[in-house]
Amino acid sequence: MSIPDILLLFSAGFLSSVVNAIAGGGTFLTFGAMTLAGVPPIMANATSSVTQFPGYVTSALAYRREIREAGREAWVLAGLSLVGSLAGALILVSMSNPSFRSLVPWLLLAATLIFAAGPYLRPKAMHAEQPISRLGMAGQFLTSIYGGFFGAGMGIMMLAVLGLSKGGDYHKLNALKNFIAVIIASVAIVVFSSGGVVAWLPAVIMIPAGALGGHFGVWAARRVPQTVIRAVVVGVGLLLTWYYFST
């Protein structure tokens, strides 16, 4: 691996954690950087799950009180998400790189549109908190399949499902989202590692960079307007979509 590739991956790992702390969407940067560095699409996607995992864990720990308060419901959603993400991850490792490559531009386009619509999908306690409905559980199951398979935009999708089907305080919903994301990412990492589709050298470069970026992101979140970061992430998503459609 060349020095420019190492610098590209380190920068992407750092910036992905910064934008995740402010607006989300870090997967676009890690996935894009790895593909530009020559990592095959399936490995780039799988490795992104590995590099994002520490951030999911720290976010869930920050919400541990709200997760405990959710009680049994958190574990029911976790169980559904475990099964769904397992299915999604197994589908990914069963595909060939050319087959997955043909889906990538459509997945990126869909994820970019979901991310751009994030402010409109973000739940605002439209109704009082209630137990999640069966329709909401079905929605979360489908979202977890997507999360195990690709993952970009997964957090926004989960917040939308939980907000519409459960309602209540945003931070409680975000706590559930972060807890479930840990489950989904854990399953994906186990499946991808067992399937030999993780590019460990890029992961080793990006994980410490992501740790630094997460720390800096807290500082930046207080100073950089979220709309600016969101516009940058949407721009990256559209550029990657154009790149994959045109090559």
Protein backbone atom coordinates (compact mmCIF):
# COMPACT_ATOMS: atom_id res chain seq x y z
CA MET A 1 0.00 0.00 0.00
CA SER A 2 1.40 3.38 -1.04
CA ILE A 3 1.87 6.42 1.20
CA PRO A 4 -0.91 8.36 -0.63
CA ASP A 5 -3.32 5.45 -0.03
CA ILE A 6 -2.42 5.36 3.66
CA LEU A 7 -2.96 9.13 3.94
CA LEU A 8 -6.28 8.82 2.10
CA LEU A 9 -7.52 6.06 4.40
CA PHE A 10 -6.33 7.81 7.57
CA SER A 11 -8.02 11.05 6.49
CA ALA A 12 -11.24 9.21 5.65
CA GLY A 13 -11.23 7.44 9.03
CA PHE A 14 -10.68 10.72 10.84
CA LEU A 15 -13.27 12.70 8.87
CA SER A 16 -15.87 9.92 9.04
CA SER A 17 -15.91 10.12 12.83
CA VAL A 18 -16.04 13.92 12.71
CA VAL A 19 -19.09 13.96 10.45
CA ASN A 20 -20.73 11.14 12.42
CA ALA A 21 -20.42 13.27 15.57
CA ILE A 22 -22.06 16.22 13.81
CA ALA A 23 -24.56 14.86 11.30
CA GLY A 24 -23.84 11.18 10.52
CA GLY A 25 -22.90 9.74 7.14
CA GLY A 26 -19.32 8.67 7.85
CA THR A 27 -19.79 5.42 5.92
CA PHE A 28 -19.79 7.37 2.64
CA LEU A 29 -16.24 8.53 3.36
CA THR A 30 -14.77 5.22 4.51
CA PHE A 31 -16.41 3.22 1.71
CA GLY A 32 -15.41 5.75 -0.93
CA ALA A 33 -11.79 6.01 0.26
CA MET A 34 -11.33 2.25 0.28
CA THR A 35 -12.72 1.80 -3.22
CA LEU A 36 -10.44 4.59 -4.48
CA ALA A 37 -7.52 2.79 -2.79
CA GLY A 38 -8.34 -0.34 -4.80
CA VAL A 39 -10.24 -2.36 -2.18
CA PRO A 40 -12.96 -4.51 -3.87
CA PRO A 41 -16.54 -3.26 -3.21
CA ILE A 42 -17.61 -6.12 -0.93
CA MET A 43 -14.45 -5.82 1.18
CA ALA A 44 -14.80 -2.02 1.31
CA ASN A 45 -18.38 -2.35 2.53
CA ALA A 46 -17.52 -5.02 5.11
CA THR A 47 -14.50 -3.10 6.38
CA SER A 48 -16.61 0.05 6.81
CA SER A 49 -18.71 -1.90 9.33
CA VAL A 50 -15.56 -2.70 11.30
CA THR A 51 -14.30 0.89 11.29
CA GLN A 52 -17.67 2.33 12.38
CA PHE A 53 -18.13 -0.15 15.25
CA PRO A 54 -16.16 1.72 17.99
CA GLY A 55 -18.27 4.82 17.43
CA TYR A 56 -21.48 2.83 17.83
CA VAL A 57 -20.23 1.40 21.13
CA THR A 58 -19.24 4.74 22.63
CA SER A 59 -22.55 6.28 21.56
CA ALA A 60 -24.49 3.43 23.18
CA LEU A 61 -22.48 3.77 26.40
CA ALA A 62 -23.34 7.46 26.54
CA TYR A 63 -27.03 6.46 26.48
CA ARG A 64 -26.77 3.51 28.88
CA ARG A 65 -29.33 4.96 31.33
CA GLU A 66 -31.97 5.37 28.61
CA ILE A 67 -31.21 1.89 27.27
CA ARG A 68 -31.73 0.37 30.74
CA GLU A 69 -35.03 2.23 31.04
CA ALA A 70 -36.22 0.75 27.73
CA GLY A 71 -35.96 -2.69 29.42
CA ARG A 72 -37.48 -5.68 27.66
CA GLU A 73 -38.39 -3.73 24.53
CA ALA A 74 -34.73 -2.95 23.83
CA TRP A 75 -33.89 -6.66 23.94
CA VAL A 76 -36.84 -7.61 21.73
CA LEU A 77 -35.69 -5.11 19.11
CA ALA A 78 -32.11 -6.33 19.54
CA GLY A 79 -33.20 -9.92 18.91
CA LEU A 80 -35.09 -8.99 15.75
CA SER A 81 -32.15 -6.93 14.55
CA LEU A 82 -29.70 -9.74 15.26
CA VAL A 83 -31.63 -12.10 12.98
CA GLY A 84 -32.16 -9.45 10.31
CA SER A 85 -28.55 -8.28 10.23
CA LEU A 86 -27.36 -11.89 10.10
CA ALA A 87 -29.51 -12.42 7.00
CA GLY A 88 -28.23 -9.22 5.38
CA ALA A 89 -24.58 -10.01 6.08
CA LEU A 90 -24.93 -13.57 4.78
CA ILE A 91 -26.53 -12.27 1.59
CA LEU A 92 -23.56 -9.95 1.10
CA VAL A 93 -20.85 -12.59 1.57
CA SER A 94 -22.70 -14.95 -0.79
CA MET A 95 -22.49 -12.44 -3.64
CA SER A 96 -19.66 -11.98 -6.11
CA ASN A 97 -17.92 -8.62 -6.40
CA PRO A 98 -19.34 -7.99 -9.91
CA SER A 99 -22.89 -8.67 -8.67
CA PHE A 100 -22.47 -6.39 -5.67
CA ARG A 101 -20.69 -3.80 -7.82
CA SER A 102 -23.78 -3.54 -10.04
CA LEU A 103 -25.90 -2.72 -6.98
CA VAL A 104 -23.50 -0.20 -5.43
CA PRO A 105 -24.59 2.93 -7.37
CA TRP A 106 -28.25 2.25 -6.58
CA LEU A 107 -27.47 1.60 -2.92
CA LEU A 108 -25.40 4.79 -2.74
CA LEU A 109 -28.12 6.82 -4.44
CA ALA A 110 -30.78 5.48 -2.06
CA ALA A 111 -28.56 6.07 0.99
CA THR A 112 -27.72 9.61 -0.17
CA LEU A 113 -31.39 10.48 -0.64
CA ILE A 114 -32.24 9.03 2.78
CA PHE A 115 -29.41 11.02 4.34
CA ALA A 116 -30.50 14.23 2.58
CA ALA A 117 -34.04 13.68 3.85
CA GLY A 118 -32.77 13.02 7.38
CA PRO A 119 -33.99 16.32 8.92
CA TYR A 120 -37.49 15.57 7.65
CA LEU A 121 -37.41 11.94 8.82
CA ARG A 122 -36.05 12.77 12.27
CA PRO A 123 -38.78 12.03 14.82
CA LYS A 124 -40.06 15.00 16.79
CA ALA A 125 -42.25 13.23 19.33
CA MET A 126 -45.26 13.31 17.03
CA HIS A 127 -47.22 11.36 19.61
CA ALA A 128 -46.82 10.17 23.15
CA GLU A 129 -44.49 7.29 23.81
CA GLN A 130 -46.10 3.88 23.42
CA PRO A 131 -44.95 0.27 23.04
CA ILE A 132 -43.62 -0.32 19.56
CA SER A 133 -46.23 -1.72 17.20
CA ARG A 134 -45.95 -4.95 15.23
CA LEU A 135 -45.62 -2.86 12.08
CA GLY A 136 -42.74 -1.03 13.73
CA MET A 137 -41.06 -4.33 14.60
CA ALA A 138 -41.43 -5.45 10.99
CA GLY A 139 -39.93 -2.15 9.84
CA GLN A 140 -36.99 -2.55 12.19
CA PHE A 141 -36.42 -6.12 10.99
CA LEU A 142 -36.23 -4.93 7.36
CA THR A 143 -33.95 -2.06 8.35
CA SER A 144 -31.61 -4.47 10.11
CA ILE A 145 -31.38 -6.61 6.96
CA TYR A 146 -30.33 -3.50 5.08
CA GLY A 147 -27.89 -2.63 7.86
CA GLY A 148 -26.22 -6.02 7.72
CA PHE A 149 -26.02 -5.84 3.93
CA PHE A 150 -24.89 -2.23 3.33
CA GLY A 151 -25.48 0.13 6.25
CA ALA A 152 -25.16 3.68 4.90
CA GLY A 153 -28.16 5.67 6.14
CA MET A 154 -29.17 2.89 8.53
CA GLY A 155 -29.32 5.16 11.58
CA ILE A 156 -31.71 7.61 9.94
CA MET A 157 -33.93 4.74 8.80
CA MET A 158 -34.06 3.33 12.34
CA LEU A 159 -34.94 6.69 13.87
CA ALA A 160 -37.74 7.13 11.32
CA VAL A 161 -39.17 3.65 12.06
CA LEU A 162 -38.96 4.10 15.84
CA GLY A 163 -40.38 7.62 15.72
CA LEU A 164 -43.39 6.65 13.63
CA SER A 165 -44.18 3.39 15.44
CA LYS A 166 -43.19 4.23 19.02
CA GLY A 167 -42.93 8.00 19.45
CA GLY A 168 -41.82 9.81 22.56
CA ASP A 169 -38.61 11.59 23.53
CA TYR A 170 -35.97 11.85 20.79
CA HIS A 171 -33.08 10.94 23.07
CA LYS A 172 -34.80 7.72 24.16
CA LEU A 173 -35.32 6.80 20.52
CA ASN A 174 -31.71 7.69 19.71
CA ALA A 175 -30.54 5.53 22.61
CA LEU A 176 -32.45 2.54 21.21
CA LYS A 177 -31.02 3.26 17.76
CA ASN A 178 -27.46 3.29 19.06
CA PHE A 179 -27.96 0.09 21.05
CA ILE A 180 -29.43 -1.71 18.05
CA ALA A 181 -26.63 -0.41 15.80
CA VAL A 182 -24.10 -2.12 18.08
CA ILE A 183 -25.95 -5.43 17.66
CA ILE A 184 -26.17 -5.07 13.88
CA ALA A 185 -22.52 -4.09 13.52
CA SER A 186 -21.38 -6.91 15.84
CA VAL A 187 -23.18 -9.54 13.78
CA ALA A 188 -21.87 -8.08 10.54
CA ILE A 189 -18.28 -8.07 11.84
CA VAL A 190 -18.47 -11.73 12.92
CA VAL A 191 -19.94 -12.82 9.57
CA PHE A 192 -17.56 -10.69 7.49
CA SER A 193 -14.51 -11.80 9.48
CA SER A 194 -15.49 -15.46 9.16
CA GLY A 195 -16.11 -14.98 5.44
CA GLY A 196 -12.68 -13.42 4.93
CA VAL A 197 -14.06 -10.22 3.41
CA VAL A 198 -12.53 -7.70 5.85
CA ALA A 199 -9.52 -5.74 4.58
CA TRP A 200 -7.65 -5.60 7.87
CA LEU A 201 -4.81 -3.30 6.81
CA PRO A 202 -7.18 -0.44 5.87
CA ALA A 203 -9.16 -1.15 9.04
CA VAL A 204 -6.03 -0.87 11.20
CA ILE A 205 -5.23 2.47 9.56
CA MET A 206 -8.75 3.90 9.91
CA ILE A 207 -9.75 2.75 13.40
CA PRO A 208 -7.23 4.89 15.36
CA ALA A 209 -7.90 7.76 12.95
CA GLY A 210 -11.59 7.37 13.75
CA ALA A 211 -10.87 7.51 17.47
CA LEU A 212 -9.08 10.84 16.99
CA GLY A 213 -11.86 12.09 14.73
CA GLY A 214 -14.52 11.21 17.29
CA HIS A 215 -12.76 13.29 19.92
CA PHE A 216 -12.34 16.21 17.50
CA GLY A 217 -15.92 15.81 16.30
CA VAL A 218 -17.30 16.72 19.73
CA TRP A 219 -15.34 19.99 19.51
CA ALA A 220 -16.40 20.60 15.91
CA ALA A 221 -20.06 19.81 16.63
CA ARG A 222 -20.21 22.93 18.80
CA ARG A 223 -18.72 25.16 16.08
CA VAL A 224 -19.55 23.84 12.60
CA PRO A 225 -23.18 24.20 11.42
CA GLN A 226 -24.76 20.79 10.86
CA THR A 227 -26.19 21.97 7.54
CA VAL A 228 -22.65 22.53 6.21
CA ILE A 229 -21.49 19.04 7.14
CA ARG A 230 -24.71 17.52 5.83
CA ALA A 231 -24.21 19.29 2.49
CA VAL A 232 -20.63 17.95 2.27
CA VAL A 233 -21.75 14.38 2.99
CA VAL A 234 -24.57 14.59 0.43
CA GLY A 235 -22.07 15.95 -2.09
CA VAL A 236 -19.70 13.03 -1.44
CA GLY A 237 -22.59 10.58 -1.77
CA LEU A 238 -23.65 12.06 -5.10
CA LEU A 239 -20.07 12.04 -6.41
CA LEU A 240 -19.65 8.40 -5.46
CA THR A 241 -23.00 7.57 -7.06
CA TRP A 242 -21.94 9.32 -10.29
CA TYR A 243 -18.56 7.55 -10.17
CA TYR A 244 -20.11 4.08 -9.86
CA PHE A 245 -22.78 4.73 -12.49
CA SER A 246 -20.15 5.97 -14.97
CA THR A 247 -17.51 3.27 -14.50
